[in-house]
Amino acid sequence: MVAAGGEPVVGDVFDAAALTEAVVAFGPDLVMHQLTDLPDDPSLIATQPGRNARIRREGTANLVAAAQAAGATRFVAQSVAWTVAGEDGAAAVAELERLVLEVDGVVLRYGQFYGPGTYHQGGPPPPRVHIDTAARLTLPTLSLSATVVTIVDR
């Protein structure tokens, strides 16, 4: 979120009460969920699988509830365009997508990001998408509802 003065609002997605208070105070029409909990070093992802699973489950549930409390009419959430390793990781992705679709939201299944500020400066194995392409192709999805969109390089 960005406050009226242009400054970002930082909060804890796991603190449901504070999150709801902040989202309601902001009063958005659309809530976009682009949260992940990944380590700075991609080689550590496999050693910390529960962090991203938690944000997909609990963080998504809290953000959906906050959006509903605020009266937001649209909800868009980041997912992945590949099968996540591990039973819990795959189940967490399915839970995120279920929660979003239950509120007529849009699930964006992105390929692995590459480009400036991402894990990959060159192209990772498919499915992948350049970060600029992902941003450009996300914009038209903001007016959709109750759908899944896959955003990958061709």
Foldseek 3Di string as FASTA:
>chain_A
DADPVRHDDDDDLLPLVVLLVVLLVVLAQEEEAEDADADPQNVCCVVPVVRRLCCLASSLVSNLVSCVSNVHLEYEYEAAPDQDPDPSNNVSRVNSVVSQLVSQYEYEHEWQEEPPPHPHPDDDDPQYAYPVQVVVVVVVCRPHTNYYHYRGDD
